């Protein structure tokens, strides 16, 4: 079982597509107004290319924070980001479950709430404080560790949970109420 590894993609859900799409359209409209309106260009305190460069830079800085996928192995969970890999050991994992409503009514403490991903620290009544690394709330899988909760969104939540039980050699039944 030591060589057991399963990779799950992190496909974008409706929320991430909508927020990312709206932000990109808004950026495009602003650029069009700047370039097509001579009055705006004449009154601008800097070159329109500086603004476009800043928008491009802003979008490039988001790439390292993307959530690309998840890997389960005997070593633990790997969360593949755009620029690095976040690791969680299963040593203190107490339960795990799929809940398409897990992130409902969440309040962001710090992080990103939908522009190319949902990641950071959040809080809601259902989970309390949790760390999110997801792209689709409908695919949310809650991993409850002794000291924290982590929410991810693998492309196949039920298969993810089955793979997790295979690696851990035990059943992961959620707490009452989940």
Protein backbone atom coordinates (compact mmCIF):
# COMPACT_ATOMS: atom_id res chain seq x y z
CA UNK A 1 0.00 0.00 0.00
CA UNK A 2 3.07 2.25 0.31
CA UNK A 3 3.05 2.93 -3.46
CA UNK A 4 -0.67 3.70 -3.56
CA UNK A 5 -1.22 7.16 -5.08
CA UNK A 6 -4.38 8.59 -6.56
CA UNK A 7 -4.64 12.02 -8.19
CA UNK A 8 -7.88 14.00 -8.41
CA UNK A 9 -8.36 17.10 -10.52
CA UNK A 10 -9.89 20.31 -9.15
CA UNK A 11 -12.34 21.42 -11.86
CA UNK A 12 -13.82 24.90 -11.64
CA UNK A 13 -17.42 25.11 -10.50
CA UNK A 14 -20.03 27.67 -11.52
CA UNK A 15 -19.04 30.18 -8.84
CA UNK A 16 -15.36 30.26 -9.82
CA UNK A 17 -16.23 30.46 -13.53
CA UNK A 18 -18.68 33.33 -12.93
CA UNK A 19 -16.46 35.39 -10.62
CA UNK A 20 -13.36 34.87 -12.77
CA UNK A 21 -15.30 35.60 -15.94
CA UNK A 22 -16.88 38.77 -14.53
CA UNK A 23 -13.52 40.05 -13.31
CA UNK A 24 -11.85 39.42 -16.66
CA UNK A 25 -14.73 41.04 -18.58
CA UNK A 26 -14.60 44.04 -16.25
CA UNK A 27 -10.85 44.34 -16.83
CA UNK A 28 -11.41 44.13 -20.59
CA UNK A 29 -14.09 46.84 -20.49
CA UNK A 30 -11.85 49.15 -18.46
CA UNK A 31 -8.99 48.62 -20.93
CA UNK A 32 -11.32 49.27 -23.87
CA UNK A 33 -12.59 52.51 -22.31
CA UNK A 34 -9.04 53.66 -21.69
CA UNK A 35 -7.86 52.88 -25.21
CA UNK A 36 -10.96 53.94 -27.15
CA UNK A 37 -11.79 57.16 -25.32
CA UNK A 38 -9.38 59.98 -26.18
CA UNK A 39 -10.62 62.16 -23.29
CA UNK A 40 -9.82 59.45 -20.76
CA UNK A 41 -6.38 58.91 -22.30
CA UNK A 42 -5.69 62.67 -22.34
CA UNK A 43 -6.65 63.12 -18.67
CA UNK A 44 -4.91 59.99 -17.42
CA UNK A 45 -1.97 60.82 -15.12
CA UNK A 46 -0.01 57.91 -16.61
CA UNK A 47 0.22 55.94 -19.82
CA UNK A 48 -2.67 53.52 -20.48
CA UNK A 49 -0.04 50.82 -20.98
CA UNK A 50 0.95 51.16 -17.31
CA UNK A 51 -2.63 50.32 -16.30
CA UNK A 52 -2.78 47.35 -18.68
CA UNK A 53 0.57 46.17 -17.36
CA UNK A 54 -0.76 46.35 -13.80
CA UNK A 55 -3.82 44.27 -14.76
CA UNK A 56 -1.62 41.65 -16.41
CA UNK A 57 0.66 41.61 -13.37
CA UNK A 58 -2.34 41.21 -11.04
CA UNK A 59 -3.58 38.20 -13.02
CA UNK A 60 -0.11 36.64 -13.14
CA UNK A 61 0.21 36.95 -9.36
CA UNK A 62 -2.93 34.80 -8.99
CA UNK A 63 -1.37 31.82 -10.82
CA UNK A 64 0.66 30.51 -7.84
CA UNK A 65 -2.54 30.40 -5.76
CA UNK A 66 -4.56 28.27 -8.18
CA UNK A 67 -5.79 24.92 -6.92
CA UNK A 68 -4.87 22.35 -9.59
CA UNK A 69 -5.57 19.04 -7.89
CA UNK A 70 -5.15 16.67 -4.97
CA UNK A 71 -3.15 13.50 -4.40
CA UNK A 72 -3.79 10.84 -1.79
CA UNK A 73 -0.92 8.57 -0.79
CA UNK A 74 0.36 6.78 2.29
CA UNK A 75 2.35 9.96 3.02
CA UNK A 76 -0.82 12.06 3.28
CA UNK A 77 -2.71 14.57 1.17
CA UNK A 78 -0.96 16.80 -1.34
CA UNK A 79 -2.78 19.87 -2.59
CA UNK A 80 -1.27 20.98 -5.88
CA UNK A 81 -1.29 24.76 -6.18
CA UNK A 82 -0.08 26.82 -9.11
CA UNK A 83 3.27 27.52 -7.48
CA UNK A 84 3.79 24.88 -4.78
CA UNK A 85 2.42 21.80 -3.06
CA UNK A 86 0.66 21.97 0.33
CA UNK A 87 0.90 18.79 2.40
CA UNK A 88 -1.28 17.39 5.17
CA UNK A 89 -0.46 14.25 7.12
CA UNK A 90 -3.33 11.87 7.81
CA UNK A 91 -1.95 11.15 11.29
CA UNK A 92 -4.56 13.32 13.06
CA UNK A 93 -7.40 12.89 10.53
CA UNK A 94 -10.52 11.98 12.50
CA UNK A 95 -13.24 12.05 9.85
CA UNK A 96 -14.05 13.01 6.27
CA UNK A 97 -17.26 13.49 4.34
CA UNK A 98 -18.72 14.94 1.16
CA UNK A 99 -21.09 17.85 1.72
CA UNK A 100 -22.17 19.98 -1.26
CA UNK A 101 -23.43 22.62 1.21
CA UNK A 102 -20.39 22.66 3.52
CA UNK A 103 -19.27 26.16 2.53
CA UNK A 104 -22.74 27.73 2.42
CA UNK A 105 -23.04 31.02 4.26
CA UNK A 106 -19.30 31.19 4.84
CA UNK A 107 -17.54 34.37 5.84
CA UNK A 108 -14.04 34.96 4.53
CA UNK A 109 -11.47 35.66 7.22
CA UNK A 110 -8.58 35.99 4.78
CA UNK A 111 -8.13 34.67 1.28
CA UNK A 112 -9.80 34.58 -2.10
CA UNK A 113 -13.48 33.82 -2.49
CA UNK A 114 -13.76 32.81 -6.14
CA UNK A 115 -11.28 34.54 -8.45
CA UNK A 116 -9.65 31.48 -10.09
CA UNK A 117 -10.17 29.47 -6.85
CA UNK A 118 -11.49 29.65 -3.31
CA UNK A 119 -8.66 29.47 -0.82
CA UNK A 120 -7.82 30.82 2.59
CA UNK A 121 -9.46 30.84 6.01
CA UNK A 122 -13.23 30.95 6.28
CA UNK A 123 -15.90 30.50 8.94
CA UNK A 124 -19.53 29.39 8.97
CA UNK A 125 -22.00 27.96 11.49
CA UNK A 126 -21.81 24.43 10.11
CA UNK A 127 -18.02 23.95 10.21
CA UNK A 128 -16.71 26.76 12.38
CA UNK A 129 -13.31 27.94 11.18
CA UNK A 130 -11.85 26.03 8.23
CA UNK A 131 -9.16 26.25 5.58
CA UNK A 132 -10.35 26.07 1.98
CA UNK A 133 -8.48 24.86 -1.09
CA UNK A 134 -11.31 24.37 -3.55
CA UNK A 135 -12.74 25.30 -6.91
CA UNK A 136 -16.27 23.92 -6.68
CA UNK A 137 -18.42 24.05 -3.54
CA UNK A 138 -20.76 21.36 -4.87
CA UNK A 139 -17.84 18.90 -4.72
CA UNK A 140 -16.74 19.93 -1.22
CA UNK A 141 -15.06 17.27 0.89
CA UNK A 142 -14.50 18.18 4.52
CA UNK A 143 -11.42 16.70 6.18
CA UNK A 144 -11.58 17.00 9.94
CA UNK A 145 -8.24 16.81 11.70
CA UNK A 146 -7.70 16.97 15.46
CA UNK A 147 -6.74 20.65 15.25
CA UNK A 148 -8.39 21.97 12.06
CA UNK A 149 -10.83 21.44 9.24
CA UNK A 150 -9.78 21.53 5.59
CA UNK A 151 -12.24 21.73 2.70
CA UNK A 152 -11.22 20.60 -0.78
CA UNK A 153 -13.11 19.82 -4.01
CA UNK A 154 -11.84 16.76 -5.89
CA UNK A 155 -13.47 15.96 -9.24
CA UNK A 156 -15.01 12.80 -7.75
CA UNK A 157 -15.76 13.28 -4.04
CA UNK A 158 -17.08 9.75 -3.40
CA UNK A 159 -14.10 8.09 -5.11
CA UNK A 160 -11.79 10.41 -3.17
CA UNK A 161 -13.32 9.23 0.11
CA UNK A 162 -13.06 5.59 -0.97
CA UNK A 163 -9.37 6.07 -1.82
CA UNK A 164 -8.82 7.76 1.52
CA UNK A 165 -10.30 4.79 3.37
CA UNK A 166 -8.09 2.40 1.36
CA UNK A 167 -4.96 4.36 2.32
CA UNK A 168 -5.94 4.64 5.97
CA UNK A 169 -7.19 1.03 6.28
CA UNK A 170 -10.23 2.32 8.19
CA UNK A 171 -13.64 3.82 7.71
CA UNK A 172 -14.01 7.58 8.02
CA UNK A 173 -17.48 8.14 9.31
CA UNK A 174 -18.42 11.75 9.84
CA UNK A 175 -19.54 13.11 13.18
CA UNK A 176 -23.24 13.19 13.98
CA UNK A 177 -25.07 15.88 12.05
CA UNK A 178 -23.03 15.63 8.85
